[in-house]
Amino acid sequence: MGSASDQIAAYLADAYGREIDQEETIWRSLPFFAAVLALELNALFIALKYLAPGGAWRRAEVVLLTLDALAILATLCAIAPSILRSNFKYVGRATEMLAYARQLDAYASDEAGGPAQLDAAATLRATLAEEQAKAIDNNGHINRRRLAWRGLAGSLAMVSILVTIALAFTEIAAKVRP
């Protein structure tokens, strides 16, 4: 099964990978928001062409158009913090890590048979685990914040879609019952 250090090292490696993947997920969701917002803006401009001539229907349509525009603006405002530059932490550069591993191996072979035998692999595993744990804590905080903003943006986009649907029904009703 392995030691506790081996178990936590495997867990941290997996968790580190998930946090890095979560960072990329934020960016992969942007085309969805771009498509929704483009459709919403298109619907708004079409709706402007078909406003009722006046009266209660026109007032209702103007209120819905205003709500829709505000929902679109709020969606954009909620997306912005989810993509702002953040200081993600990564485990060291590959060349530096390779050099460190070689130094450990060299030191361990120099010390072989001596009183302070060094287990280079265990030391490297512990160092990697420590670096991953720091990165996980930092990146997880950033990802949770970004996820919350993206969730809010998604909810606001849904509000905008629902208001657009209500606007369409209102415009149809205004034509059927002037």
N, C-alpha and C. Protein backbone atom coordinates (compact mmCIF):
# COMPACT_ATOMS: atom_id res chain seq x y z
N MET A 1 0.82 -1.20 0.00
CA MET A 1 0.00 0.00 0.00
C MET A 1 0.86 1.26 0.00
N GLY A 2 1.93 1.27 0.74
CA GLY A 2 2.79 2.45 0.76
C GLY A 2 2.66 3.23 2.04
N SER A 3 3.61 4.10 2.26
CA SER A 3 3.62 4.91 3.48
C SER A 3 2.62 6.06 3.39
N ALA A 4 2.42 6.70 4.52
CA ALA A 4 1.53 7.87 4.56
C ALA A 4 2.06 8.96 3.63
N SER A 5 3.37 9.11 3.58
CA SER A 5 3.97 10.12 2.69
C SER A 5 3.66 9.80 1.23
N ASP A 6 3.73 8.51 0.87
CA ASP A 6 3.41 8.13 -0.51
C ASP A 6 1.94 8.42 -0.81
N GLN A 7 1.08 8.14 0.15
CA GLN A 7 -0.35 8.35 -0.05
C GLN A 7 -0.67 9.84 -0.22
N ILE A 8 -0.11 10.67 0.64
CA ILE A 8 -0.39 12.10 0.55
C ILE A 8 0.24 12.68 -0.71
N ALA A 9 1.40 12.17 -1.11
CA ALA A 9 2.04 12.66 -2.34
C ALA A 9 1.15 12.37 -3.54
N ALA A 10 0.56 11.19 -3.59
CA ALA A 10 -0.34 10.84 -4.69
C ALA A 10 -1.59 11.71 -4.67
N TYR A 11 -2.13 11.93 -3.47
CA TYR A 11 -3.32 12.78 -3.34
C TYR A 11 -3.01 14.21 -3.78
N LEU A 12 -1.90 14.75 -3.34
CA LEU A 12 -1.54 16.13 -3.68
C LEU A 12 -1.28 16.28 -5.18
N ALA A 13 -0.66 15.29 -5.79
CA ALA A 13 -0.42 15.36 -7.23
C ALA A 13 -1.75 15.41 -7.97
N ASP A 14 -2.71 14.60 -7.53
CA ASP A 14 -4.03 14.59 -8.16
C ASP A 14 -4.76 15.92 -7.93
N ALA A 15 -4.73 16.41 -6.70
CA ALA A 15 -5.40 17.67 -6.37
C ALA A 15 -4.77 18.84 -7.12
N TYR A 16 -3.46 18.82 -7.24
CA TYR A 16 -2.76 19.88 -7.99
C TYR A 16 -3.24 19.88 -9.45
N GLY A 17 -3.33 18.71 -10.05
CA GLY A 17 -3.81 18.60 -11.42
C GLY A 17 -5.23 19.10 -11.57
N ARG A 18 -6.08 18.81 -10.58
CA ARG A 18 -7.47 19.28 -10.65
C ARG A 18 -7.54 20.79 -10.58
N GLU A 19 -6.73 21.42 -9.75
CA GLU A 19 -6.75 22.88 -9.63
C GLU A 19 -6.26 23.53 -10.92
N ILE A 20 -5.25 22.97 -11.54
CA ILE A 20 -4.76 23.51 -12.81
C ILE A 20 -5.84 23.35 -13.88
N ASP A 21 -6.50 22.19 -13.90
CA ASP A 21 -7.57 21.96 -14.86
C ASP A 21 -8.73 22.92 -14.62
N GLN A 22 -9.04 23.20 -13.36
CA GLN A 22 -10.13 24.12 -13.04
C GLN A 22 -9.83 25.52 -13.55
N GLU A 23 -8.57 25.92 -13.50
CA GLU A 23 -8.18 27.23 -14.05
C GLU A 23 -8.51 27.28 -15.54
N GLU A 24 -8.22 26.21 -16.25
CA GLU A 24 -8.49 26.17 -17.69
C GLU A 24 -9.98 26.12 -17.98
N THR A 25 -10.76 25.53 -17.09
CA THR A 25 -12.20 25.41 -17.30
C THR A 25 -12.84 26.79 -17.38
N ILE A 26 -12.36 27.72 -16.60
CA ILE A 26 -12.88 29.09 -16.64
C ILE A 26 -12.78 29.62 -18.07
N TRP A 27 -11.64 29.45 -18.68
CA TRP A 27 -11.41 29.97 -20.02
C TRP A 27 -12.23 29.21 -21.06
N ARG A 28 -12.41 27.92 -20.84
CA ARG A 28 -13.20 27.13 -21.80
C ARG A 28 -14.67 27.50 -21.78
N SER A 29 -15.14 28.14 -20.70
CA SER A 29 -16.56 28.51 -20.62
C SER A 29 -16.84 29.86 -21.30
N LEU A 30 -15.83 30.61 -21.62
CA LEU A 30 -16.05 31.94 -22.21
C LEU A 30 -16.79 31.92 -23.54
N PRO A 31 -16.54 30.96 -24.44
CA PRO A 31 -17.32 30.95 -25.69
C PRO A 31 -18.83 30.79 -25.44
N PHE A 32 -19.20 30.06 -24.41
CA PHE A 32 -20.63 29.94 -24.07
C PHE A 32 -21.21 31.31 -23.74
N PHE A 33 -20.53 32.06 -22.90
CA PHE A 33 -21.02 33.38 -22.52
C PHE A 33 -21.03 34.31 -23.73
N ALA A 34 -20.01 34.23 -24.56
CA ALA A 34 -19.96 35.09 -25.76
C ALA A 34 -21.16 34.79 -26.67
N ALA A 35 -21.46 33.51 -26.85
CA ALA A 35 -22.58 33.14 -27.72
C ALA A 35 -23.91 33.61 -27.14
N VAL A 36 -24.11 33.38 -25.84
CA VAL A 36 -25.36 33.80 -25.19
C VAL A 36 -25.52 35.31 -25.27
N LEU A 37 -24.46 36.03 -24.96
CA LEU A 37 -24.56 37.49 -24.99
C LEU A 37 -24.77 38.02 -26.40
N ALA A 38 -24.15 37.39 -27.39
CA ALA A 38 -24.37 37.82 -28.78
C ALA A 38 -25.82 37.60 -29.18
N LEU A 39 -26.38 36.45 -28.83
CA LEU A 39 -27.79 36.19 -29.13
C LEU A 39 -28.71 37.17 -28.39
N GLU A 40 -28.39 37.44 -27.16
CA GLU A 40 -29.20 38.37 -26.37
C GLU A 40 -29.17 39.78 -26.96
N LEU A 41 -28.00 40.24 -27.33
CA LEU A 41 -27.92 41.58 -27.94
C LEU A 41 -28.66 41.62 -29.27
N ASN A 42 -28.54 40.57 -30.05
CA ASN A 42 -29.26 40.49 -31.30
C ASN A 42 -30.77 40.56 -31.05
N ALA A 43 -31.23 39.80 -30.07
CA ALA A 43 -32.66 39.80 -29.73
C ALA A 43 -33.11 41.19 -29.28
N LEU A 44 -32.27 41.88 -28.53
CA LEU A 44 -32.63 43.24 -28.09
C LEU A 44 -32.81 44.18 -29.28
N PHE A 45 -31.88 44.12 -30.23
CA PHE A 45 -31.97 45.01 -31.38
C PHE A 45 -33.17 44.67 -32.26
N ILE A 46 -33.49 43.41 -32.37
CA ILE A 46 -34.69 43.02 -33.13
C ILE A 46 -35.93 43.51 -32.40
N ALA A 47 -35.95 43.35 -31.08
CA ALA A 47 -37.11 43.79 -30.29
C ALA A 47 -37.34 45.28 -30.42
N LEU A 48 -36.29 46.05 -30.52
CA LEU A 48 -36.43 47.50 -30.67
C LEU A 48 -37.20 47.85 -31.94
N LYS A 49 -37.07 47.04 -32.98
CA LYS A 49 -37.76 47.31 -34.25
C LYS A 49 -39.26 47.08 -34.14
N TYR A 50 -39.66 46.24 -33.21
CA TYR A 50 -41.07 45.82 -33.13
C TYR A 50 -41.80 46.34 -31.90
N LEU A 51 -41.32 47.41 -31.33
CA LEU A 51 -41.99 47.96 -30.15
C LEU A 51 -43.42 48.38 -30.50
N ALA A 52 -44.29 48.18 -29.54
CA ALA A 52 -45.69 48.61 -29.72
C ALA A 52 -45.70 50.13 -29.87
N PRO A 53 -46.69 50.66 -30.58
CA PRO A 53 -46.71 52.10 -30.85
C PRO A 53 -46.87 52.96 -29.60
N GLY A 54 -47.49 52.48 -28.58
CA GLY A 54 -47.65 53.30 -27.38
C GLY A 54 -48.51 52.58 -26.37
N GLY A 55 -48.78 53.24 -25.27
CA GLY A 55 -49.67 52.69 -24.27
C GLY A 55 -48.97 51.72 -23.32
N ALA A 56 -49.80 50.89 -22.69
CA ALA A 56 -49.32 49.97 -21.65
C ALA A 56 -48.35 48.93 -22.21
N TRP A 57 -48.63 48.45 -23.43
CA TRP A 57 -47.74 47.44 -24.01
C TRP A 57 -46.34 48.01 -24.23
N ARG A 58 -46.28 49.22 -24.73
CA ARG A 58 -44.97 49.84 -24.98
C ARG A 58 -44.22 50.04 -23.66
N ARG A 59 -44.92 50.50 -22.63
CA ARG A 59 -44.27 50.67 -21.33
C ARG A 59 -43.73 49.33 -20.82
N ALA A 60 -44.52 48.27 -20.96
CA ALA A 60 -44.08 46.94 -20.52
C ALA A 60 -42.84 46.51 -21.31
N GLU A 61 -42.87 46.77 -22.62
CA GLU A 61 -41.74 46.39 -23.45
C GLU A 61 -40.49 47.18 -23.09
N VAL A 62 -40.64 48.44 -22.81
CA VAL A 62 -39.49 49.27 -22.43
C VAL A 62 -38.91 48.80 -21.10
N VAL A 63 -39.79 48.46 -20.17
CA VAL A 63 -39.31 47.93 -18.88
C VAL A 63 -38.54 46.63 -19.10
N LEU A 64 -39.07 45.73 -19.92
CA LEU A 64 -38.39 44.46 -20.19
C LEU A 64 -37.08 44.67 -20.95
N LEU A 65 -37.08 45.60 -21.91
CA LEU A 65 -35.84 45.91 -22.62
C LEU A 65 -34.78 46.44 -21.65
N THR A 66 -35.21 47.30 -20.74
CA THR A 66 -34.28 47.86 -19.75
C THR A 66 -33.75 46.76 -18.83
N LEU A 67 -34.64 45.90 -18.35
CA LEU A 67 -34.21 44.78 -17.50
C LEU A 67 -33.24 43.86 -18.25
N ASP A 68 -33.54 43.60 -19.50
CA ASP A 68 -32.67 42.73 -20.30
C ASP A 68 -31.29 43.37 -20.47
N ALA A 69 -31.27 44.64 -20.80
CA ALA A 69 -29.99 45.34 -20.97
C ALA A 69 -29.19 45.32 -19.66
N LEU A 70 -29.88 45.54 -18.55
CA LEU A 70 -29.21 45.50 -17.24
C LEU A 70 -28.69 44.10 -16.93
N ALA A 71 -29.46 43.07 -17.28
CA ALA A 71 -29.01 41.69 -17.04
C ALA A 71 -27.78 41.36 -17.89
N ILE A 72 -27.77 41.86 -19.12
CA ILE A 72 -26.61 41.64 -19.99
C ILE A 72 -25.39 42.36 -19.41
N LEU A 73 -25.57 43.59 -19.00
CA LEU A 73 -24.47 44.35 -18.40
C LEU A 73 -23.98 43.68 -17.12
N ALA A 74 -24.90 43.23 -16.29
CA ALA A 74 -24.53 42.54 -15.05
C ALA A 74 -23.78 41.25 -15.35
N THR A 75 -24.19 40.54 -16.40
CA THR A 75 -23.49 39.32 -16.79
C THR A 75 -22.04 39.63 -17.15
N LEU A 76 -21.85 40.66 -17.95
CA LEU A 76 -20.49 41.07 -18.33
C LEU A 76 -19.68 41.47 -17.10
N CYS A 77 -20.32 42.19 -16.18
CA CYS A 77 -19.63 42.61 -14.96
C CYS A 77 -19.26 41.42 -14.08
N ALA A 78 -20.07 40.36 -14.11
CA ALA A 78 -19.77 39.18 -13.31
C ALA A 78 -18.72 38.30 -13.98
N ILE A 79 -18.65 38.33 -15.30
CA ILE A 79 -17.63 37.53 -16.00
C ILE A 79 -16.25 38.13 -15.77
N ALA A 80 -16.17 39.44 -15.74
CA ALA A 80 -14.86 40.11 -15.64
C ALA A 80 -14.01 39.61 -14.47
N PRO A 81 -14.53 39.55 -13.23
CA PRO A 81 -13.67 39.07 -12.14
C PRO A 81 -13.26 37.60 -12.28
N SER A 82 -14.03 36.84 -13.05
CA SER A 82 -13.68 35.42 -13.19
C SER A 82 -12.51 35.21 -14.14
N ILE A 83 -12.14 36.25 -14.90
CA ILE A 83 -11.02 36.10 -15.82
C ILE A 83 -9.88 37.07 -15.53
N LEU A 84 -10.02 37.84 -14.47
CA LEU A 84 -8.93 38.76 -14.14
C LEU A 84 -7.64 38.00 -13.88
N ARG A 85 -6.55 38.62 -14.19
CA ARG A 85 -5.24 38.00 -13.97
C ARG A 85 -5.08 37.68 -12.48
N SER A 86 -4.62 36.49 -12.22
CA SER A 86 -4.39 36.06 -10.84
C SER A 86 -3.01 35.43 -10.73
N ASN A 87 -2.49 35.43 -9.54
CA ASN A 87 -1.16 34.88 -9.30
C ASN A 87 -1.24 33.40 -8.95
N PHE A 88 -1.41 32.58 -9.97
CA PHE A 88 -1.41 31.15 -9.76
C PHE A 88 0.00 30.70 -9.41
N LYS A 89 0.06 29.69 -8.58
CA LYS A 89 1.37 29.11 -8.22
C LYS A 89 1.47 27.76 -8.92
N TYR A 90 2.66 27.50 -9.40
CA TYR A 90 2.94 26.24 -10.06
C TYR A 90 4.15 25.61 -9.41
N VAL A 91 4.22 24.30 -9.50
CA VAL A 91 5.41 23.61 -9.03
C VAL A 91 6.54 24.06 -9.94
N GLY A 92 7.75 24.13 -9.42
CA GLY A 92 8.89 24.70 -10.12
C GLY A 92 9.04 24.37 -11.59
N ARG A 93 9.90 25.11 -12.23
CA ARG A 93 10.19 24.89 -13.65
C ARG A 93 10.83 23.52 -13.81
N ALA A 94 10.56 22.90 -14.94
CA ALA A 94 11.03 21.54 -15.20
C ALA A 94 12.55 21.43 -15.11
N THR A 95 13.26 22.39 -15.68
CA THR A 95 14.73 22.33 -15.66
C THR A 95 15.28 22.47 -14.24
N GLU A 96 14.66 23.34 -13.46
CA GLU A 96 15.09 23.51 -12.08
C GLU A 96 14.82 22.25 -11.26
N MET A 97 13.66 21.64 -11.50
CA MET A 97 13.33 20.42 -10.75
C MET A 97 14.26 19.27 -11.13
N LEU A 98 14.61 19.17 -12.40
CA LEU A 98 15.54 18.14 -12.84
C LEU A 98 16.91 18.37 -12.20
N ALA A 99 17.36 19.61 -12.16
CA ALA A 99 18.65 19.92 -11.54
C ALA A 99 18.61 19.58 -10.05
N TYR A 100 17.50 19.89 -9.39
CA TYR A 100 17.36 19.57 -7.96
C TYR A 100 17.41 18.06 -7.74
N ALA A 101 16.71 17.31 -8.57
CA ALA A 101 16.71 15.84 -8.44
C ALA A 101 18.14 15.30 -8.64
N ARG A 102 18.84 15.85 -9.60
CA ARG A 102 20.23 15.40 -9.84
C ARG A 102 21.13 15.73 -8.66
N GLN A 103 20.92 16.91 -8.07
CA GLN A 103 21.70 17.28 -6.88
C GLN A 103 21.42 16.33 -5.73
N LEU A 104 20.15 15.99 -5.56
CA LEU A 104 19.80 15.04 -4.50
C LEU A 104 20.46 13.68 -4.74
N ASP A 105 20.38 13.21 -5.98
CA ASP A 105 21.00 11.93 -6.31
C ASP A 105 22.50 11.97 -6.08
N ALA A 106 23.14 13.05 -6.49
CA ALA A 106 24.58 13.18 -6.31
C ALA A 106 24.94 13.22 -4.82
N TYR A 107 24.19 13.97 -4.06
CA TYR A 107 24.44 14.06 -2.62
C TYR A 107 24.23 12.71 -1.96
N ALA A 108 23.15 12.02 -2.35
CA ALA A 108 22.86 10.71 -1.76
C ALA A 108 23.95 9.70 -2.10
N SER A 109 24.48 9.74 -3.31
CA SER A 109 25.52 8.78 -3.67
C SER A 109 26.84 9.12 -2.97
N ASP A 110 27.12 10.42 -2.73
CA ASP A 110 28.31 10.81 -1.98
C ASP A 110 28.22 10.35 -0.53
N GLU A 111 27.01 10.35 0.01
CA GLU A 111 26.79 10.01 1.41
C GLU A 111 26.53 8.51 1.61
N ALA A 112 26.51 7.76 0.52
CA ALA A 112 26.16 6.34 0.62
C ALA A 112 27.05 5.65 1.64
N GLY A 113 26.43 4.92 2.51
CA GLY A 113 27.15 4.18 3.54
C GLY A 113 27.52 5.01 4.74
N GLY A 114 27.33 6.31 4.66
CA GLY A 114 27.69 7.18 5.78
C GLY A 114 26.58 7.26 6.80
N PRO A 115 26.79 8.00 7.87
CA PRO A 115 25.80 8.08 8.94
C PRO A 115 24.52 8.83 8.54
N ALA A 116 24.62 9.73 7.59
CA ALA A 116 23.46 10.55 7.22
C ALA A 116 22.95 10.14 5.84
N GLN A 117 22.61 8.87 5.71
CA GLN A 117 22.12 8.42 4.42
C GLN A 117 20.87 9.20 4.04
N LEU A 118 20.86 9.64 2.81
CA LEU A 118 19.75 10.43 2.31
C LEU A 118 18.96 9.58 1.32
N ASP A 119 17.68 9.51 1.52
CA ASP A 119 16.81 8.86 0.55
C ASP A 119 16.37 9.95 -0.43
N ALA A 120 17.07 10.02 -1.57
CA ALA A 120 16.83 11.10 -2.53
C ALA A 120 15.40 11.09 -3.04
N ALA A 121 14.86 9.91 -3.31
CA ALA A 121 13.49 9.82 -3.82
C ALA A 121 12.50 10.33 -2.79
N ALA A 122 12.69 9.96 -1.52
CA ALA A 122 11.77 10.41 -0.47
C ALA A 122 11.88 11.91 -0.26
N THR A 123 13.08 12.43 -0.31
CA THR A 123 13.28 13.87 -0.16
C THR A 123 12.62 14.63 -1.30
N LEU A 124 12.81 14.12 -2.53
CA LEU A 124 12.19 14.76 -3.69
C LEU A 124 10.67 14.71 -3.58
N ARG A 125 10.13 13.56 -3.18
CA ARG A 125 8.68 13.41 -3.01
C ARG A 125 8.16 14.41 -1.97
N ALA A 126 8.88 14.55 -0.88
CA ALA A 126 8.45 15.48 0.18
C ALA A 126 8.50 16.93 -0.31
N THR A 127 9.54 17.27 -1.05
CA THR A 127 9.66 18.63 -1.58
C THR A 127 8.54 18.92 -2.57
N LEU A 128 8.30 17.96 -3.48
CA LEU A 128 7.21 18.13 -4.44
C LEU A 128 5.86 18.26 -3.73
N ALA A 129 5.65 17.42 -2.73
CA ALA A 129 4.38 17.47 -1.99
C ALA A 129 4.20 18.83 -1.32
N GLU A 130 5.27 19.36 -0.76
CA GLU A 130 5.19 20.68 -0.11
C GLU A 130 4.87 21.78 -1.12
N GLU A 131 5.54 21.74 -2.27
CA GLU A 131 5.28 22.73 -3.31
C GLU A 131 3.86 22.61 -3.85
N GLN A 132 3.40 21.38 -4.05
CA GLN A 132 2.04 21.16 -4.54
C GLN A 132 1.02 21.64 -3.52
N ALA A 133 1.26 21.37 -2.25
CA ALA A 133 0.31 21.80 -1.22
C ALA A 133 0.18 23.32 -1.19
N LYS A 134 1.29 24.03 -1.31
CA LYS A 134 1.24 25.49 -1.36
C LYS A 134 0.47 25.97 -2.58
N ALA A 135 0.75 25.35 -3.73
CA ALA A 135 0.07 25.74 -4.96
C ALA A 135 -1.42 25.43 -4.88
N ILE A 136 -1.78 24.29 -4.32
CA ILE A 136 -3.19 23.89 -4.20
C ILE A 136 -3.95 24.90 -3.35
N ASP A 137 -3.37 25.28 -2.21
CA ASP A 137 -4.04 26.26 -1.34
C ASP A 137 -4.25 27.58 -2.08
N ASN A 138 -3.21 28.07 -2.72
CA ASN A 138 -3.29 29.35 -3.44
C ASN A 138 -4.26 29.26 -4.62
N ASN A 139 -4.06 28.27 -5.46
CA ASN A 139 -4.86 28.15 -6.69
C ASN A 139 -6.31 27.81 -6.38
N GLY A 140 -6.52 27.01 -5.34
CA GLY A 140 -7.89 26.66 -4.95
C GLY A 140 -8.68 27.89 -4.53
N HIS A 141 -8.04 28.78 -3.79
CA HIS A 141 -8.70 30.03 -3.38
C HIS A 141 -9.09 30.84 -4.61
N ILE A 142 -8.18 30.98 -5.56
CA ILE A 142 -8.46 31.74 -6.78
C ILE A 142 -9.57 31.07 -7.58
N ASN A 143 -9.49 29.76 -7.72
CA ASN A 143 -10.50 29.04 -8.51
C ASN A 143 -11.89 29.11 -7.89
N ARG A 144 -11.97 29.03 -6.56
CA ARG A 144 -13.29 29.14 -5.90
C ARG A 144 -13.89 30.52 -6.12
N ARG A 145 -13.07 31.55 -6.05
CA ARG A 145 -13.54 32.92 -6.30
C ARG A 145 -14.02 33.03 -7.75
N ARG A 146 -13.22 32.53 -8.67
CA ARG A 146 -13.59 32.60 -10.09
C ARG A 146 -14.85 31.80 -10.38
N LEU A 147 -14.96 30.65 -9.76
CA LEU A 147 -16.14 29.80 -9.96
C LEU A 147 -17.40 30.50 -9.45
N ALA A 148 -17.29 31.18 -8.32
CA ALA A 148 -18.44 31.91 -7.78
C ALA A 148 -18.88 33.01 -8.75
N TRP A 149 -17.93 33.74 -9.29
CA TRP A 149 -18.27 34.80 -10.24
C TRP A 149 -18.85 34.23 -11.52
N ARG A 150 -18.27 33.12 -11.99
CA ARG A 150 -18.79 32.50 -13.20
C ARG A 150 -20.20 31.97 -12.97
N GLY A 151 -20.45 31.41 -11.79
CA GLY A 151 -21.80 30.95 -11.46
C GLY A 151 -22.80 32.10 -11.46
N LEU A 152 -22.39 33.22 -10.88
CA LEU A 152 -23.26 34.40 -10.88
C LEU A 152 -23.51 34.87 -12.31
N ALA A 153 -22.47 34.88 -13.13
CA ALA A 153 -22.61 35.29 -14.54
C ALA A 153 -23.59 34.36 -15.26
N GLY A 154 -23.49 33.07 -15.00
CA GLY A 154 -24.41 32.12 -15.61
C GLY A 154 -25.84 32.37 -15.19
N SER A 155 -26.04 32.65 -13.92
CA SER A 155 -27.39 32.95 -13.42
C SER A 155 -27.94 34.23 -14.05
N LEU A 156 -27.11 35.23 -14.16
CA LEU A 156 -27.54 36.49 -14.77
C LEU A 156 -27.84 36.31 -16.26
N ALA A 157 -27.05 35.47 -16.93
CA ALA A 157 -27.32 35.18 -18.34
C ALA A 157 -28.68 34.50 -18.48
N MET A 158 -29.00 33.61 -17.55
CA MET A 158 -30.31 32.95 -17.57
C MET A 158 -31.43 33.95 -17.33
N VAL A 159 -31.21 34.91 -16.43
CA VAL A 159 -32.20 35.97 -16.21
C VAL A 159 -32.41 36.73 -17.51
N SER A 160 -31.33 37.05 -18.19
CA SER A 160 -31.44 37.77 -19.45
C SER A 160 -32.23 36.97 -20.48
N ILE A 161 -31.98 35.68 -20.56
CA ILE A 161 -32.72 34.82 -21.50
C ILE A 161 -34.20 34.81 -21.16
N LEU A 162 -34.52 34.67 -19.88
CA LEU A 162 -35.92 34.66 -19.46
C LEU A 162 -36.61 35.99 -19.73
N VAL A 163 -35.91 37.08 -19.51
CA VAL A 163 -36.49 38.40 -19.79
C VAL A 163 -36.70 38.56 -21.30
N THR A 164 -35.77 38.05 -22.10
CA THR A 164 -35.94 38.11 -23.56
C THR A 164 -37.17 37.32 -23.99
N ILE A 165 -37.36 36.17 -23.39
CA ILE A 165 -38.56 35.37 -23.71
C ILE A 165 -39.82 36.13 -23.31
N ALA A 166 -39.80 36.73 -22.13
CA ALA A 166 -40.95 37.53 -21.69
C ALA A 166 -41.18 38.70 -22.64
N LEU A 167 -40.11 39.31 -23.10
CA LEU A 167 -40.22 40.42 -24.05
C LEU A 167 -40.84 39.95 -25.36
N ALA A 168 -40.42 38.80 -25.84
CA ALA A 168 -40.98 38.27 -27.08
C ALA A 168 -42.49 38.02 -26.93
N PHE A 169 -42.88 37.41 -25.82
CA PHE A 169 -44.31 37.17 -25.59
C PHE A 169 -45.09 38.47 -25.45
N THR A 170 -44.47 39.46 -24.82
CA THR A 170 -45.13 40.76 -24.67
C THR A 170 -45.33 41.41 -26.03
N GLU A 171 -44.32 41.33 -26.89
CA GLU A 171 -44.45 41.93 -28.22
C GLU A 171 -45.51 41.20 -29.06
N ILE A 172 -45.56 39.88 -28.90
CA ILE A 172 -46.60 39.10 -29.61
C ILE A 172 -47.98 39.51 -29.08
N ALA A 173 -48.11 39.60 -27.78
CA ALA A 173 -49.38 39.97 -27.17
C ALA A 173 -49.79 41.38 -27.60
N ALA A 174 -48.82 42.29 -27.71
CA ALA A 174 -49.13 43.65 -28.12
C ALA A 174 -49.66 43.68 -29.54
N LYS A 175 -49.20 42.78 -30.39
CA LYS A 175 -49.68 42.73 -31.79
C LYS A 175 -51.06 42.07 -31.87
N VAL A 176 -51.28 41.07 -31.02
CA VAL A 176 -52.56 40.34 -31.04
C VAL A 176 -53.66 41.17 -30.36
N ARG A 177 -53.30 41.83 -29.26
CA ARG A 177 -54.31 42.63 -28.50
C ARG A 177 -53.80 44.06 -28.37
N PRO A 178 -53.96 44.85 -29.35
CA PRO A 178 -53.46 46.23 -29.31
C PRO A 178 -54.12 47.07 -28.32
